[in-house]
Amino acid sequence: MTTAIPDVVSQTRELFIKYVGEFLQALGEKFPSCDGVRKMRLAFGVGVEHAITSKTKKMNEEVLIKEYDTAMQPYYARITSRDCSIFAEAGITVDFLKGIDISKKWESSDEDTRECIYDYLDLMNRFARMYSLYTNVPSGMMHKITQVASNLASDLNSGQSDLSTINLAKVGQQVVSQIDAKELQQFATSLMANQSQMQGVMNLVASMHKN
């Protein structure tokens, strides 16, 4: 049986959108009288959750995640290290956080609420970075990577292999051997030319290893 190749770009974008929606809902419940949160939830509902067409929905999701990633890149590492000083800065420079008045929310929140804010930002940051990375991978290269990952997942689910027997080095060699050299060079050149993207990849790998 052939396993369908997952669209990891779409999946990553959809997970980002999922956590944005949950975050806005949680803020709405915690701060029911906040006009900024109400406006953000309304805009999110109209533009994404209840978009007129699937094409419009996808377009609005892409705009949101790309704008978020661009604005949040200077703050990713500081969120991971729990540097609360970023809220005063990001609350001005990041439209999404400015819209929900994150600086005042932080100041008025108890420890449980603050930890919840961190948790949602961690999730949103992770998927925004993954999306940025995936969209810079050439299509042929991405297809090969997801094909290998899909086959590996299928073997695990069927019991043909288990985590203790998987040789990750061999899997990596298998992936590289199937990738066109020109596309691999194109991806490497793209990363080297964009230092913020390279740092994002390093931070993403570090956070995934940590968890």
N, C-alpha and C. Protein backbone atom coordinates (compact mmCIF):
# COMPACT_ATOMS: atom_id res chain seq x y z
N MET A 1 0.84 -1.21 0.00
CA MET A 1 0.00 0.00 0.00
C MET A 1 0.87 1.25 0.00
N THR A 2 0.60 2.16 -0.91
CA THR A 2 1.38 3.39 -1.01
C THR A 2 0.89 4.42 0.01
N THR A 3 1.84 4.98 0.76
CA THR A 3 1.49 5.99 1.75
C THR A 3 1.50 7.38 1.11
N ALA A 4 0.45 8.15 1.33
CA ALA A 4 0.37 9.49 0.77
C ALA A 4 1.47 10.38 1.33
N ILE A 5 2.07 11.19 0.48
CA ILE A 5 3.12 12.10 0.92
C ILE A 5 2.49 13.32 1.57
N PRO A 6 2.80 13.59 2.83
CA PRO A 6 2.18 14.72 3.51
C PRO A 6 2.68 16.07 2.98
N ASP A 7 1.81 17.04 2.99
CA ASP A 7 2.18 18.41 2.62
C ASP A 7 2.61 19.12 3.91
N VAL A 8 3.91 19.03 4.22
CA VAL A 8 4.37 19.54 5.51
C VAL A 8 4.29 21.07 5.59
N VAL A 9 4.36 21.74 4.45
CA VAL A 9 4.25 23.20 4.46
C VAL A 9 2.85 23.60 4.93
N SER A 10 1.84 22.97 4.33
CA SER A 10 0.46 23.27 4.72
C SER A 10 0.18 22.85 6.15
N GLN A 11 0.68 21.68 6.53
CA GLN A 11 0.46 21.19 7.88
C GLN A 11 1.06 22.14 8.92
N THR A 12 2.25 22.62 8.63
CA THR A 12 2.93 23.54 9.56
C THR A 12 2.18 24.86 9.66
N ARG A 13 1.73 25.37 8.51
CA ARG A 13 0.96 26.62 8.52
C ARG A 13 -0.33 26.45 9.29
N GLU A 14 -1.00 25.34 9.09
CA GLU A 14 -2.27 25.09 9.77
C GLU A 14 -2.10 24.94 11.28
N LEU A 15 -1.00 24.35 11.71
CA LEU A 15 -0.74 24.23 13.14
C LEU A 15 -0.46 25.59 13.75
N PHE A 16 0.27 26.42 13.03
CA PHE A 16 0.51 27.79 13.50
C PHE A 16 -0.82 28.51 13.69
N ILE A 17 -1.68 28.42 12.68
CA ILE A 17 -2.99 29.09 12.72
C ILE A 17 -3.83 28.53 13.87
N LYS A 18 -3.76 27.24 14.09
CA LYS A 18 -4.50 26.60 15.18
C LYS A 18 -4.12 27.23 16.52
N TYR A 19 -2.83 27.39 16.76
CA TYR A 19 -2.38 27.92 18.04
C TYR A 19 -2.64 29.43 18.16
N VAL A 20 -2.63 30.13 17.05
CA VAL A 20 -3.01 31.54 17.08
C VAL A 20 -4.46 31.65 17.54
N GLY A 21 -5.33 30.84 16.95
CA GLY A 21 -6.74 30.86 17.33
C GLY A 21 -6.96 30.51 18.79
N GLU A 22 -6.25 29.49 19.26
CA GLU A 22 -6.39 29.09 20.67
C GLU A 22 -5.87 30.18 21.60
N PHE A 23 -4.78 30.82 21.21
CA PHE A 23 -4.20 31.89 22.02
C PHE A 23 -5.16 33.07 22.13
N LEU A 24 -5.75 33.45 21.02
CA LEU A 24 -6.70 34.57 21.04
C LEU A 24 -7.94 34.22 21.86
N GLN A 25 -8.39 32.98 21.76
CA GLN A 25 -9.54 32.56 22.54
C GLN A 25 -9.23 32.59 24.04
N ALA A 26 -8.05 32.11 24.40
CA ALA A 26 -7.65 32.11 25.81
C ALA A 26 -7.53 33.53 26.34
N LEU A 27 -6.99 34.43 25.53
CA LEU A 27 -6.88 35.83 25.95
C LEU A 27 -8.27 36.46 26.09
N GLY A 28 -9.17 36.10 25.17
CA GLY A 28 -10.53 36.64 25.25
C GLY A 28 -11.24 36.22 26.51
N GLU A 29 -10.98 34.98 26.95
CA GLU A 29 -11.61 34.49 28.18
C GLU A 29 -10.98 35.11 29.42
N LYS A 30 -9.68 35.37 29.36
CA LYS A 30 -8.98 35.93 30.50
C LYS A 30 -9.18 37.44 30.61
N PHE A 31 -9.28 38.10 29.44
CA PHE A 31 -9.43 39.56 29.41
C PHE A 31 -10.67 39.92 28.57
N PRO A 32 -11.86 39.61 29.06
CA PRO A 32 -13.09 39.79 28.27
C PRO A 32 -13.42 41.24 27.92
N SER A 33 -12.87 42.20 28.66
CA SER A 33 -13.21 43.60 28.39
C SER A 33 -12.18 44.30 27.52
N CYS A 34 -11.18 43.58 27.02
CA CYS A 34 -10.12 44.19 26.22
C CYS A 34 -10.57 44.39 24.77
N ASP A 35 -10.63 45.64 24.33
CA ASP A 35 -11.04 45.94 22.96
C ASP A 35 -10.04 45.41 21.94
N GLY A 36 -8.75 45.47 22.28
CA GLY A 36 -7.72 45.01 21.35
C GLY A 36 -7.86 43.54 21.05
N VAL A 37 -8.08 42.73 22.06
CA VAL A 37 -8.25 41.29 21.86
C VAL A 37 -9.52 41.02 21.08
N ARG A 38 -10.60 41.73 21.38
CA ARG A 38 -11.86 41.54 20.66
C ARG A 38 -11.68 41.84 19.17
N LYS A 39 -10.97 42.93 18.87
CA LYS A 39 -10.74 43.30 17.47
C LYS A 39 -9.88 42.26 16.76
N MET A 40 -8.86 41.76 17.45
CA MET A 40 -7.99 40.76 16.85
C MET A 40 -8.74 39.46 16.60
N ARG A 41 -9.58 39.07 17.55
CA ARG A 41 -10.37 37.85 17.38
C ARG A 41 -11.36 38.01 16.22
N LEU A 42 -11.93 39.19 16.08
CA LEU A 42 -12.88 39.45 14.99
C LEU A 42 -12.17 39.39 13.64
N ALA A 43 -11.00 40.05 13.56
CA ALA A 43 -10.24 40.05 12.31
C ALA A 43 -9.80 38.64 11.95
N PHE A 44 -9.38 37.87 12.95
CA PHE A 44 -8.95 36.49 12.73
C PHE A 44 -10.14 35.63 12.28
N GLY A 45 -11.27 35.85 12.90
CA GLY A 45 -12.47 35.09 12.55
C GLY A 45 -12.92 35.36 11.12
N VAL A 46 -12.95 36.64 10.75
CA VAL A 46 -13.41 37.02 9.41
C VAL A 46 -12.39 36.61 8.34
N GLY A 47 -11.10 36.86 8.62
CA GLY A 47 -10.08 36.63 7.61
C GLY A 47 -9.62 35.19 7.47
N VAL A 48 -9.73 34.42 8.54
CA VAL A 48 -9.19 33.06 8.52
C VAL A 48 -10.27 32.01 8.81
N GLU A 49 -10.85 32.05 9.99
CA GLU A 49 -11.79 31.00 10.40
C GLU A 49 -13.03 30.94 9.51
N HIS A 50 -13.51 32.11 9.07
CA HIS A 50 -14.73 32.14 8.26
C HIS A 50 -14.48 32.88 6.94
N ALA A 51 -13.31 32.66 6.37
CA ALA A 51 -12.98 33.29 5.09
C ALA A 51 -13.97 32.85 4.01
N ILE A 52 -14.23 33.74 3.07
CA ILE A 52 -15.24 33.47 2.04
C ILE A 52 -14.89 32.26 1.19
N THR A 53 -13.63 32.12 0.82
CA THR A 53 -13.20 30.98 0.01
C THR A 53 -11.96 30.36 0.63
N SER A 54 -11.68 29.12 0.25
CA SER A 54 -10.48 28.44 0.74
C SER A 54 -9.22 29.13 0.24
N LYS A 55 -9.29 29.70 -0.95
CA LYS A 55 -8.15 30.42 -1.50
C LYS A 55 -7.85 31.66 -0.66
N THR A 56 -8.90 32.39 -0.29
CA THR A 56 -8.73 33.57 0.56
C THR A 56 -8.19 33.18 1.93
N LYS A 57 -8.70 32.10 2.47
CA LYS A 57 -8.25 31.60 3.76
C LYS A 57 -6.75 31.30 3.73
N LYS A 58 -6.33 30.56 2.72
CA LYS A 58 -4.92 30.21 2.60
C LYS A 58 -4.06 31.45 2.44
N MET A 59 -4.50 32.39 1.63
CA MET A 59 -3.74 33.62 1.40
C MET A 59 -3.58 34.40 2.69
N ASN A 60 -4.67 34.54 3.46
CA ASN A 60 -4.62 35.28 4.72
C ASN A 60 -3.74 34.57 5.76
N GLU A 61 -3.79 33.25 5.76
CA GLU A 61 -2.94 32.48 6.66
C GLU A 61 -1.46 32.69 6.32
N GLU A 62 -1.15 32.69 5.04
CA GLU A 62 0.23 32.87 4.61
C GLU A 62 0.74 34.26 4.96
N VAL A 63 -0.11 35.26 4.78
CA VAL A 63 0.28 36.63 5.14
C VAL A 63 0.54 36.72 6.63
N LEU A 64 -0.34 36.13 7.43
CA LEU A 64 -0.21 36.20 8.88
C LEU A 64 1.07 35.53 9.36
N ILE A 65 1.34 34.32 8.89
CA ILE A 65 2.51 33.60 9.38
C ILE A 65 3.82 34.23 8.90
N LYS A 66 3.83 34.73 7.67
CA LYS A 66 5.04 35.37 7.16
C LYS A 66 5.33 36.69 7.88
N GLU A 67 4.30 37.48 8.11
CA GLU A 67 4.48 38.75 8.81
C GLU A 67 4.89 38.51 10.26
N TYR A 68 4.30 37.51 10.87
CA TYR A 68 4.65 37.17 12.25
C TYR A 68 6.11 36.74 12.34
N ASP A 69 6.52 35.85 11.45
CA ASP A 69 7.89 35.35 11.47
C ASP A 69 8.90 36.47 11.25
N THR A 70 8.64 37.32 10.29
CA THR A 70 9.55 38.43 10.00
C THR A 70 9.71 39.35 11.20
N ALA A 71 8.59 39.68 11.84
CA ALA A 71 8.62 40.60 12.97
C ALA A 71 9.19 39.95 14.23
N MET A 72 8.95 38.65 14.41
CA MET A 72 9.35 37.98 15.65
C MET A 72 10.77 37.43 15.64
N GLN A 73 11.42 37.38 14.50
CA GLN A 73 12.75 36.80 14.43
C GLN A 73 13.73 37.35 15.47
N PRO A 74 13.74 38.65 15.74
CA PRO A 74 14.69 39.16 16.74
C PRO A 74 14.38 38.69 18.16
N TYR A 75 13.18 38.14 18.38
CA TYR A 75 12.75 37.80 19.74
C TYR A 75 12.64 36.31 20.01
N TYR A 76 12.84 35.48 18.99
CA TYR A 76 12.66 34.04 19.18
C TYR A 76 13.52 33.49 20.32
N ALA A 77 14.80 33.77 20.29
CA ALA A 77 15.70 33.23 21.31
C ALA A 77 15.36 33.75 22.70
N ARG A 78 14.92 35.00 22.77
CA ARG A 78 14.60 35.59 24.07
C ARG A 78 13.31 35.02 24.65
N ILE A 79 12.38 34.63 23.78
CA ILE A 79 11.18 33.94 24.27
C ILE A 79 11.57 32.58 24.82
N THR A 80 12.42 31.86 24.10
CA THR A 80 12.86 30.54 24.54
C THR A 80 13.57 30.61 25.89
N SER A 81 14.35 31.68 26.10
CA SER A 81 15.09 31.83 27.36
C SER A 81 14.27 32.52 28.45
N ARG A 82 12.99 32.78 28.15
CA ARG A 82 12.07 33.39 29.11
C ARG A 82 12.54 34.78 29.56
N ASP A 83 12.92 35.58 28.58
CA ASP A 83 13.33 36.97 28.84
C ASP A 83 12.11 37.86 28.72
N CYS A 84 11.51 38.21 29.85
CA CYS A 84 10.25 38.95 29.82
C CYS A 84 10.41 40.40 29.38
N SER A 85 11.64 40.88 29.26
CA SER A 85 11.85 42.26 28.82
C SER A 85 11.43 42.46 27.37
N ILE A 86 11.24 41.36 26.64
CA ILE A 86 10.89 41.51 25.23
C ILE A 86 9.47 42.03 25.03
N PHE A 87 8.62 41.87 26.03
CA PHE A 87 7.22 42.23 25.82
C PHE A 87 7.03 43.73 25.60
N ALA A 88 7.83 44.53 26.29
CA ALA A 88 7.74 45.98 26.09
C ALA A 88 8.18 46.36 24.68
N GLU A 89 9.19 45.65 24.15
CA GLU A 89 9.70 45.93 22.81
C GLU A 89 8.80 45.35 21.73
N ALA A 90 8.54 44.04 21.85
CA ALA A 90 7.74 43.36 20.83
C ALA A 90 6.31 43.88 20.78
N GLY A 91 5.84 44.40 21.92
CA GLY A 91 4.50 44.96 21.96
C GLY A 91 4.35 46.22 21.12
N ILE A 92 5.49 46.73 20.65
CA ILE A 92 5.49 47.92 19.79
C ILE A 92 5.82 47.55 18.35
N THR A 93 6.76 46.61 18.16
CA THR A 93 7.28 46.30 16.83
C THR A 93 6.58 45.14 16.12
N VAL A 94 5.90 44.29 16.87
CA VAL A 94 5.21 43.15 16.26
C VAL A 94 3.72 43.44 16.24
N ASP A 95 3.14 43.60 15.06
CA ASP A 95 1.74 44.01 14.95
C ASP A 95 0.79 43.08 15.70
N PHE A 96 1.04 41.78 15.61
CA PHE A 96 0.16 40.83 16.29
C PHE A 96 0.15 41.07 17.80
N LEU A 97 1.33 41.22 18.39
CA LEU A 97 1.43 41.43 19.83
C LEU A 97 0.98 42.84 20.22
N LYS A 98 1.21 43.78 19.34
CA LYS A 98 0.73 45.15 19.58
C LYS A 98 -0.79 45.18 19.61
N GLY A 99 -1.40 44.42 18.70
CA GLY A 99 -2.86 44.40 18.61
C GLY A 99 -3.53 43.88 19.85
N ILE A 100 -2.88 42.93 20.54
CA ILE A 100 -3.48 42.38 21.76
C ILE A 100 -2.94 43.08 23.01
N ASP A 101 -2.13 44.14 22.80
CA ASP A 101 -1.58 44.92 23.92
C ASP A 101 -0.84 44.02 24.91
N ILE A 102 0.11 43.25 24.36
CA ILE A 102 0.78 42.22 25.14
C ILE A 102 1.54 42.77 26.34
N SER A 103 2.07 43.99 26.22
CA SER A 103 2.84 44.56 27.33
C SER A 103 1.97 44.74 28.58
N LYS A 104 0.77 45.30 28.40
CA LYS A 104 -0.12 45.49 29.55
C LYS A 104 -0.66 44.14 30.05
N LYS A 105 -0.90 43.22 29.11
CA LYS A 105 -1.37 41.89 29.52
C LYS A 105 -0.34 41.23 30.43
N TRP A 106 0.92 41.36 30.03
CA TRP A 106 1.99 40.74 30.82
C TRP A 106 2.07 41.37 32.21
N GLU A 107 2.01 42.67 32.26
CA GLU A 107 2.15 43.38 33.55
C GLU A 107 1.03 43.03 34.51
N SER A 108 -0.15 42.77 33.99
CA SER A 108 -1.31 42.53 34.87
C SER A 108 -1.57 41.05 35.13
N SER A 109 -0.75 40.18 34.57
CA SER A 109 -1.01 38.74 34.67
C SER A 109 -0.33 38.09 35.88
N ASP A 110 -0.95 37.02 36.36
CA ASP A 110 -0.33 36.22 37.42
C ASP A 110 0.64 35.23 36.78
N GLU A 111 1.33 34.44 37.59
CA GLU A 111 2.36 33.54 37.09
C GLU A 111 1.79 32.47 36.15
N ASP A 112 0.63 31.94 36.47
CA ASP A 112 0.03 30.91 35.63
C ASP A 112 -0.30 31.47 34.24
N THR A 113 -0.84 32.68 34.21
CA THR A 113 -1.19 33.30 32.92
C THR A 113 0.07 33.61 32.13
N ARG A 114 1.10 34.08 32.82
CA ARG A 114 2.36 34.37 32.14
C ARG A 114 2.97 33.11 31.52
N GLU A 115 2.89 32.01 32.24
CA GLU A 115 3.42 30.76 31.71
C GLU A 115 2.61 30.30 30.51
N CYS A 116 1.31 30.54 30.55
CA CYS A 116 0.44 30.20 29.42
C CYS A 116 0.81 31.04 28.20
N ILE A 117 1.09 32.31 28.41
CA ILE A 117 1.52 33.19 27.31
C ILE A 117 2.80 32.67 26.69
N TYR A 118 3.76 32.32 27.53
CA TYR A 118 5.02 31.77 27.05
C TYR A 118 4.79 30.49 26.24
N ASP A 119 3.94 29.61 26.77
CA ASP A 119 3.69 28.33 26.10
C ASP A 119 3.12 28.53 24.70
N TYR A 120 2.15 29.43 24.58
CA TYR A 120 1.56 29.67 23.26
C TYR A 120 2.56 30.33 22.31
N LEU A 121 3.33 31.28 22.82
CA LEU A 121 4.32 31.92 21.97
C LEU A 121 5.38 30.92 21.52
N ASP A 122 5.77 30.03 22.41
CA ASP A 122 6.73 28.98 22.03
C ASP A 122 6.20 28.16 20.86
N LEU A 123 4.93 27.75 20.95
CA LEU A 123 4.33 26.94 19.89
C LEU A 123 4.22 27.73 18.58
N MET A 124 3.73 28.95 18.67
CA MET A 124 3.59 29.77 17.48
C MET A 124 4.95 30.05 16.85
N ASN A 125 5.94 30.34 17.68
CA ASN A 125 7.29 30.60 17.18
C ASN A 125 7.87 29.38 16.48
N ARG A 126 7.69 28.22 17.09
CA ARG A 126 8.24 27.00 16.50
C ARG A 126 7.67 26.75 15.11
N PHE A 127 6.36 26.84 14.97
CA PHE A 127 5.76 26.54 13.67
C PHE A 127 5.99 27.65 12.65
N ALA A 128 6.13 28.88 13.11
CA ALA A 128 6.47 29.98 12.19
C ALA A 128 7.87 29.76 11.63
N ARG A 129 8.81 29.34 12.47
CA ARG A 129 10.18 29.09 12.02
C ARG A 129 10.23 27.88 11.09
N MET A 130 9.48 26.83 11.44
CA MET A 130 9.44 25.65 10.59
C MET A 130 8.88 26.00 9.21
N TYR A 131 7.82 26.80 9.20
CA TYR A 131 7.21 27.21 7.93
C TYR A 131 8.20 27.99 7.08
N SER A 132 8.91 28.91 7.72
CA SER A 132 9.90 29.71 7.01
C SER A 132 10.99 28.82 6.43
N LEU A 133 11.42 27.84 7.20
CA LEU A 133 12.44 26.91 6.72
C LEU A 133 11.92 26.07 5.55
N TYR A 134 10.74 25.48 5.73
CA TYR A 134 10.20 24.59 4.71
C TYR A 134 9.94 25.31 3.39
N THR A 135 9.48 26.55 3.46
CA THR A 135 9.18 27.28 2.23
C THR A 135 10.43 27.69 1.48
N ASN A 136 11.60 27.56 2.11
CA ASN A 136 12.86 27.86 1.43
C ASN A 136 13.51 26.60 0.86
N VAL A 137 12.89 25.44 1.14
CA VAL A 137 13.42 24.19 0.60
C VAL A 137 12.87 24.00 -0.82
N PRO A 138 13.74 23.77 -1.81
CA PRO A 138 13.26 23.54 -3.19
C PRO A 138 12.24 22.40 -3.22
N SER A 139 11.25 22.50 -4.10
CA SER A 139 10.13 21.56 -4.10
C SER A 139 10.57 20.11 -4.28
N GLY A 140 11.51 19.85 -5.18
CA GLY A 140 11.97 18.49 -5.40
C GLY A 140 12.65 17.92 -4.18
N MET A 141 13.43 18.76 -3.52
CA MET A 141 14.14 18.34 -2.30
C MET A 141 13.14 18.06 -1.19
N MET A 142 12.14 18.90 -1.04
CA MET A 142 11.12 18.70 -0.02
C MET A 142 10.34 17.41 -0.27
N HIS A 143 10.06 17.12 -1.54
CA HIS A 143 9.32 15.90 -1.87
C HIS A 143 10.09 14.66 -1.43
N LYS A 144 11.40 14.66 -1.70
CA LYS A 144 12.23 13.52 -1.32
C LYS A 144 12.28 13.35 0.20
N ILE A 145 12.43 14.48 0.91
CA ILE A 145 12.52 14.42 2.37
C ILE A 145 11.22 13.87 2.96
N THR A 146 10.09 14.41 2.51
CA THR A 146 8.81 13.98 3.07
C THR A 146 8.49 12.54 2.65
N GLN A 147 8.96 12.13 1.48
CA GLN A 147 8.73 10.75 1.03
C GLN A 147 9.45 9.77 1.94
N VAL A 148 10.70 10.07 2.27
CA VAL A 148 11.46 9.20 3.16
C VAL A 148 10.83 9.19 4.55
N ALA A 149 10.46 10.38 5.04
CA ALA A 149 9.84 10.47 6.37
C ALA A 149 8.52 9.71 6.41
N SER A 150 7.74 9.82 5.32
CA SER A 150 6.46 9.13 5.26
C SER A 150 6.64 7.62 5.27
N ASN A 151 7.62 7.13 4.49
CA ASN A 151 7.89 5.69 4.45
C ASN A 151 8.36 5.19 5.82
N LEU A 152 9.17 6.01 6.48
CA LEU A 152 9.66 5.63 7.81
C LEU A 152 8.51 5.54 8.80
N ALA A 153 7.61 6.53 8.75
CA ALA A 153 6.45 6.53 9.64
C ALA A 153 5.55 5.33 9.36
N SER A 154 5.40 4.98 8.08
CA SER A 154 4.58 3.84 7.70
C SER A 154 5.16 2.54 8.26
N ASP A 155 6.48 2.40 8.19
CA ASP A 155 7.15 1.21 8.72
C ASP A 155 6.97 1.11 10.24
N LEU A 156 7.04 2.26 10.91
CA LEU A 156 6.85 2.27 12.36
C LEU A 156 5.43 1.88 12.73
N ASN A 157 4.48 2.44 12.01
CA ASN A 157 3.06 2.16 12.30
C ASN A 157 2.68 0.71 12.02
N SER A 158 3.32 0.12 11.01
CA SER A 158 2.99 -1.26 10.64
C SER A 158 3.75 -2.30 11.45
N GLY A 159 4.72 -1.81 12.23
CA GLY A 159 5.50 -2.74 13.05
C GLY A 159 6.70 -3.34 12.34
N GLN A 160 6.98 -2.88 11.10
CA GLN A 160 8.11 -3.42 10.35
C GLN A 160 9.44 -2.94 10.95
N SER A 161 9.40 -1.86 11.69
CA SER A 161 10.59 -1.36 12.37
C SER A 161 10.16 -0.64 13.64
N ASP A 162 11.11 -0.39 14.53
CA ASP A 162 10.81 0.38 15.73
C ASP A 162 11.95 1.35 15.98
N LEU A 163 11.71 2.30 16.90
CA LEU A 163 12.68 3.38 17.12
C LEU A 163 14.05 2.86 17.53
N SER A 164 14.09 1.74 18.23
CA SER A 164 15.37 1.22 18.71
C SER A 164 16.24 0.66 17.59
N THR A 165 15.62 0.34 16.45
CA THR A 165 16.38 -0.27 15.36
C THR A 165 16.67 0.71 14.22
N ILE A 166 16.14 1.92 14.31
CA ILE A 166 16.32 2.89 13.24
C ILE A 166 17.73 3.48 13.29
N ASN A 167 18.43 3.42 12.17
CA ASN A 167 19.76 4.01 12.04
C ASN A 167 19.58 5.39 11.41
N LEU A 168 19.61 6.43 12.26
CA LEU A 168 19.34 7.78 11.76
C LEU A 168 20.40 8.24 10.76
N ALA A 169 21.65 7.81 10.98
CA ALA A 169 22.71 8.19 10.04
C ALA A 169 22.43 7.61 8.66
N LYS A 170 21.97 6.35 8.64
CA LYS A 170 21.64 5.71 7.37
C LYS A 170 20.45 6.39 6.71
N VAL A 171 19.45 6.76 7.52
CA VAL A 171 18.29 7.47 6.98
C VAL A 171 18.73 8.79 6.36
N GLY A 172 19.61 9.50 7.06
CA GLY A 172 20.11 10.77 6.54
C GLY A 172 20.84 10.60 5.23
N GLN A 173 21.67 9.55 5.14
CA GLN A 173 22.40 9.28 3.91
C GLN A 173 21.43 8.95 2.78
N GLN A 174 20.37 8.24 3.12
CA GLN A 174 19.36 7.88 2.13
C GLN A 174 18.69 9.13 1.56
N VAL A 175 18.37 10.07 2.45
CA VAL A 175 17.73 11.32 2.02
C VAL A 175 18.67 12.10 1.10
N VAL A 176 19.92 12.27 1.55
CA VAL A 176 20.88 13.06 0.78
C VAL A 176 21.14 12.43 -0.59
N SER A 177 21.20 11.10 -0.64
CA SER A 177 21.49 10.41 -1.90
C SER A 177 20.39 10.60 -2.94
N GLN A 178 19.18 10.92 -2.47
CA GLN A 178 18.05 11.08 -3.38
C GLN A 178 17.80 12.53 -3.79
N ILE A 179 18.53 13.45 -3.18
CA ILE A 179 18.32 14.87 -3.45
C ILE A 179 19.24 15.34 -4.58
N ASP A 180 18.68 16.05 -5.52
CA ASP A 180 19.46 16.61 -6.62
C ASP A 180 20.52 17.57 -6.07
N ALA A 181 21.74 17.41 -6.52
CA ALA A 181 22.87 18.21 -6.01
C ALA A 181 22.64 19.71 -6.22
N LYS A 182 22.02 20.07 -7.33
CA LYS A 182 21.78 21.49 -7.61
C LYS A 182 20.79 22.07 -6.60
N GLU A 183 19.76 21.30 -6.26
CA GLU A 183 18.77 21.78 -5.29
C GLU A 183 19.39 21.88 -3.90
N LEU A 184 20.24 20.93 -3.56
CA LEU A 184 20.92 20.97 -2.28
C LEU A 184 21.80 22.20 -2.17
N GLN A 185 22.50 22.51 -3.25
CA GLN A 185 23.36 23.70 -3.28
C GLN A 185 22.52 24.97 -3.23
N GLN A 186 21.37 24.93 -3.91
CA GLN A 186 20.46 26.09 -3.90
C GLN A 186 19.97 26.38 -2.49
N PHE A 187 19.61 25.32 -1.76
CA PHE A 187 19.12 25.47 -0.40
C PHE A 187 20.23 25.99 0.51
N ALA A 188 21.43 25.42 0.39
CA ALA A 188 22.56 25.86 1.21
C ALA A 188 22.90 27.31 0.95
N THR A 189 22.89 27.70 -0.33
CA THR A 189 23.19 29.08 -0.69
C THR A 189 22.15 30.03 -0.12
N SER A 190 20.88 29.61 -0.16
CA SER A 190 19.80 30.43 0.38
C SER A 190 19.98 30.66 1.87
N LEU A 191 20.35 29.61 2.60
CA LEU A 191 20.56 29.73 4.04
C LEU A 191 21.75 30.63 4.36
N MET A 192 22.83 30.44 3.63
CA MET A 192 24.04 31.22 3.90
C MET A 192 23.83 32.70 3.59
N ALA A 193 22.96 32.98 2.62
CA ALA A 193 22.70 34.37 2.23
C ALA A 193 21.77 35.06 3.20
N ASN A 194 21.05 34.28 4.00
CA ASN A 194 20.09 34.83 4.94
C ASN A 194 20.48 34.40 6.35
N GLN A 195 21.24 35.24 7.04
CA GLN A 195 21.76 34.88 8.34
C GLN A 195 20.66 34.71 9.38
N SER A 196 19.59 35.50 9.27
CA SER A 196 18.49 35.34 10.23
C SER A 196 17.81 34.01 10.03
N GLN A 197 17.71 33.57 8.76
CA GLN A 197 17.13 32.26 8.47
C GLN A 197 18.01 31.15 9.04
N MET A 198 19.33 31.30 8.87
CA MET A 198 20.27 30.31 9.39
C MET A 198 20.17 30.22 10.91
N GLN A 199 20.09 31.39 11.56
CA GLN A 199 19.96 31.40 13.02
C GLN A 199 18.65 30.76 13.44
N GLY A 200 17.61 31.00 12.66
CA GLY A 200 16.33 30.39 12.97
C GLY A 200 16.39 28.88 12.91
N VAL A 201 17.10 28.35 11.91
CA VAL A 201 17.27 26.90 11.79
C VAL A 201 18.01 26.36 13.00
N MET A 202 19.09 27.04 13.40
CA MET A 202 19.89 26.59 14.54
C MET A 202 19.07 26.61 15.82
N ASN A 203 18.29 27.68 16.01
CA ASN A 203 17.44 27.77 17.20
C ASN A 203 16.37 26.70 17.20
N LEU A 204 15.80 26.43 16.01
CA LEU A 204 14.76 25.42 15.91
C LEU A 204 15.30 24.04 16.27
N VAL A 205 16.46 23.70 15.71
CA VAL A 205 17.07 22.41 16.00
C VAL A 205 17.38 22.29 17.49
N ALA A 206 17.89 23.40 18.08
CA ALA A 206 18.24 23.39 19.49
C ALA A 206 17.00 23.18 20.37
N SER A 207 15.91 23.85 20.02
CA SER A 207 14.69 23.74 20.82
C SER A 207 14.07 22.36 20.67
N MET A 208 14.15 21.76 19.49
CA MET A 208 13.60 20.42 19.30
C MET A 208 14.43 19.38 20.05
N HIS A 209 15.74 19.58 20.08
CA HIS A 209 16.61 18.67 20.82
C HIS A 209 16.36 18.79 22.31
N LYS A 210 16.11 20.01 22.77
CA LYS A 210 15.86 20.26 24.19
C LYS A 210 14.60 19.57 24.65
N ASN A 211 13.57 19.54 23.80
CA ASN A 211 12.30 18.95 24.15
C ASN A 211 12.25 17.45 23.85
